[in-house]
């Protein structure tokens, strides 16, 4: 049974290799590009117009500024140090 399965798998892989090696239809070459004629079929191009000048960005007001160097990170660090000092050795 193992030999039959092995032979079937080998045949499957071999069929896949041959299917990749020989394409079903030959490739057709691309059509040559045609040069564009000025004032031809398309709409005429409009010159670029600069947009209105952009205003510089203004810094936003800080909504919740930490008070005098007391940020959330330093508060956590201090709480951890206190908890560690309270633990018995």
C-alpha atoms as a PDB file:
ATOM      1  CA  UNK A   1       0.000   0.000   0.000  1.00  0.00           C
ATOM      2  CA  UNK A   2       2.836   2.374   0.860  1.00  0.00           C
ATOM      3  CA  UNK A   3       4.487   1.730  -2.495  1.00  0.00           C
ATOM      4  CA  UNK A   4       1.267   2.510  -4.359  1.00  0.00           C
ATOM      5  CA  UNK A   5       0.831   5.781  -2.459  1.00  0.00           C
ATOM      6  CA  UNK A   6       4.478   6.693  -3.084  1.00  0.00           C
ATOM      7  CA  UNK A   7       4.108   5.992  -6.801  1.00  0.00           C
ATOM      8  CA  UNK A   8       0.940   8.100  -6.976  1.00  0.00           C
ATOM      9  CA  UNK A   9       2.610  10.998  -5.194  1.00  0.00           C
ATOM     10  CA  UNK A  10       5.635  10.791  -7.478  1.00  0.00           C
ATOM     11  CA  UNK A  11       3.376  10.816 -10.535  1.00  0.00           C
ATOM     12  CA  UNK A  12       1.509  13.824  -9.135  1.00  0.00           C
ATOM     13  CA  UNK A  13       4.716  15.789  -8.611  1.00  0.00           C
ATOM     14  CA  UNK A  14       6.056  14.803 -12.025  1.00  0.00           C
ATOM     15  CA  UNK A  15       2.814  15.961 -13.660  1.00  0.00           C
ATOM     16  CA  UNK A  16       3.138  19.281 -11.857  1.00  0.00           C
ATOM     17  CA  UNK A  17       6.690  19.755 -13.092  1.00  0.00           C
ATOM     18  CA  UNK A  18       5.718  19.036 -16.690  1.00  0.00           C
ATOM     19  CA  UNK A  19       2.686  21.305 -16.434  1.00  0.00           C
ATOM     20  CA  UNK A  20       4.939  24.175 -15.387  1.00  0.00           C
ATOM     21  CA  UNK A  21       7.568  23.447 -18.015  1.00  0.00           C
ATOM     22  CA  UNK A  22       5.184  23.484 -20.991  1.00  0.00           C
ATOM     23  CA  UNK A  23       2.666  26.345 -21.070  1.00  0.00           C
ATOM     24  CA  UNK A  24      -0.729  25.652 -22.602  1.00  0.00           C
ATOM     25  CA  UNK A  25      -0.621  28.610 -25.013  1.00  0.00           C
ATOM     26  CA  UNK A  26       2.441  30.351 -26.401  1.00  0.00           C
ATOM     27  CA  UNK A  27       3.007  33.943 -25.357  1.00  0.00           C
ATOM     28  CA  UNK A  28       1.989  36.648 -27.809  1.00  0.00           C
ATOM     29  CA  UNK A  29       4.225  39.694 -28.234  1.00  0.00           C
ATOM     30  CA  UNK A  30       2.937  43.046 -27.052  1.00  0.00           C
ATOM     31  CA  UNK A  31       1.681  45.569 -29.592  1.00  0.00           C
ATOM     32  CA  UNK A  32       4.153  48.349 -30.371  1.00  0.00           C
ATOM     33  CA  UNK A  33       3.528  51.681 -28.684  1.00  0.00           C
ATOM     34  CA  UNK A  34       2.071  54.460 -30.813  1.00  0.00           C
ATOM     35  CA  UNK A  35       3.415  57.961 -30.303  1.00  0.00           C
ATOM     36  CA  UNK A  36       0.956  60.519 -28.949  1.00  0.00           C
ATOM     37  CA  UNK A  37       0.095  63.363 -31.267  1.00  0.00           C
ATOM     38  CA  UNK A  38      -0.183  66.866 -29.782  1.00  0.00           C
ATOM     39  CA  UNK A  39      -3.765  68.141 -29.790  1.00  0.00           C
ATOM     40  CA  UNK A  40      -5.024  64.720 -30.687  1.00  0.00           C
ATOM     41  CA  UNK A  41      -7.842  62.610 -29.349  1.00  0.00           C
ATOM     42  CA  UNK A  42      -7.410  63.404 -25.650  1.00  0.00           C
ATOM     43  CA  UNK A  43      -8.454  66.507 -23.765  1.00  0.00           C
ATOM     44  CA  UNK A  44      -5.957  69.328 -23.819  1.00  0.00           C
ATOM     45  CA  UNK A  45      -3.708  69.612 -20.821  1.00  0.00           C
ATOM     46  CA  UNK A  46      -4.276  72.490 -18.419  1.00  0.00           C
ATOM     47  CA  UNK A  47      -1.328  74.248 -16.818  1.00  0.00           C
ATOM     48  CA  UNK A  48      -0.639  73.570 -13.181  1.00  0.00           C
ATOM     49  CA  UNK A  49      -1.907  76.227 -10.798  1.00  0.00           C
ATOM     50  CA  UNK A  50      -0.288  76.565  -7.387  1.00  0.00           C
ATOM     51  CA  UNK A  51      -2.645  76.108  -4.473  1.00  0.00           C
ATOM     52  CA  UNK A  52      -3.136  78.558  -1.626  1.00  0.00           C
ATOM     53  CA  UNK A  53      -0.209  78.770   0.765  1.00  0.00           C
ATOM     54  CA  UNK A  54      -0.334  76.463   3.725  1.00  0.00           C
ATOM     55  CA  UNK A  55      -0.395  77.924   7.196  1.00  0.00           C
ATOM     56  CA  UNK A  56       2.257  76.684   9.602  1.00  0.00           C
ATOM     57  CA  UNK A  57       1.167  74.295  12.287  1.00  0.00           C
ATOM     58  CA  UNK A  58       0.623  75.674  15.761  1.00  0.00           C
ATOM     59  CA  UNK A  59       1.516  73.616  18.799  1.00  0.00           C
ATOM     60  CA  UNK A  60      -1.520  72.343  20.651  1.00  0.00           C
ATOM     61  CA  UNK A  61      -1.998  73.321  24.249  1.00  0.00           C
ATOM     62  CA  UNK A  62      -1.106  70.574  26.661  1.00  0.00           C
ATOM     63  CA  UNK A  63      -4.347  69.164  28.025  1.00  0.00           C
ATOM     64  CA  UNK A  64      -2.954  67.416  31.068  1.00  0.00           C
ATOM     65  CA  UNK A  65       0.575  68.477  31.897  1.00  0.00           C
ATOM     66  CA  UNK A  66       2.212  66.611  34.774  1.00  0.00           C
ATOM     67  CA  UNK A  67       2.776  68.792  37.827  1.00  0.00           C
ATOM     68  CA  UNK A  68       6.415  69.674  38.506  1.00  0.00           C
ATOM     69  CA  UNK A  69       8.141  66.533  37.264  1.00  0.00           C
ATOM     70  CA  UNK A  70       5.630  64.089  38.732  1.00  0.00           C
ATOM     71  CA  UNK A  71       4.730  61.889  35.831  1.00  0.00           C
ATOM     72  CA  UNK A  72       2.930  58.578  35.886  1.00  0.00           C
ATOM     73  CA  UNK A  73       6.206  56.692  35.358  1.00  0.00           C
ATOM     74  CA  UNK A  74       7.939  58.276  38.355  1.00  0.00           C
ATOM     75  CA  UNK A  75       4.893  57.641  40.522  1.00  0.00           C
ATOM     76  CA  UNK A  76       4.938  53.970  39.566  1.00  0.00           C
ATOM     77  CA  UNK A  77       8.671  53.717  40.241  1.00  0.00           C
ATOM     78  CA  UNK A  78       8.281  55.290  43.674  1.00  0.00           C
ATOM     79  CA  UNK A  79       5.375  52.961  44.506  1.00  0.00           C
ATOM     80  CA  UNK A  80       7.448  49.939  43.492  1.00  0.00           C
ATOM     81  CA  UNK A  81      10.359  51.085  45.654  1.00  0.00           C
ATOM     82  CA  UNK A  82       8.048  51.545  48.647  1.00  0.00           C
ATOM     83  CA  UNK A  83       6.508  48.103  48.161  1.00  0.00           C
ATOM     84  CA  UNK A  84       9.938  46.512  47.870  1.00  0.00           C
ATOM     85  CA  UNK A  85      11.162  48.238  51.032  1.00  0.00           C
ATOM     86  CA  UNK A  86       8.140  46.969  53.003  1.00  0.00           C
ATOM     87  CA  UNK A  87       8.749  43.324  52.028  1.00  0.00           C
ATOM     88  CA  UNK A  88      10.597  41.250  54.625  1.00  0.00           C
ATOM     89  CA  UNK A  89      13.979  39.944  53.521  1.00  0.00           C
END
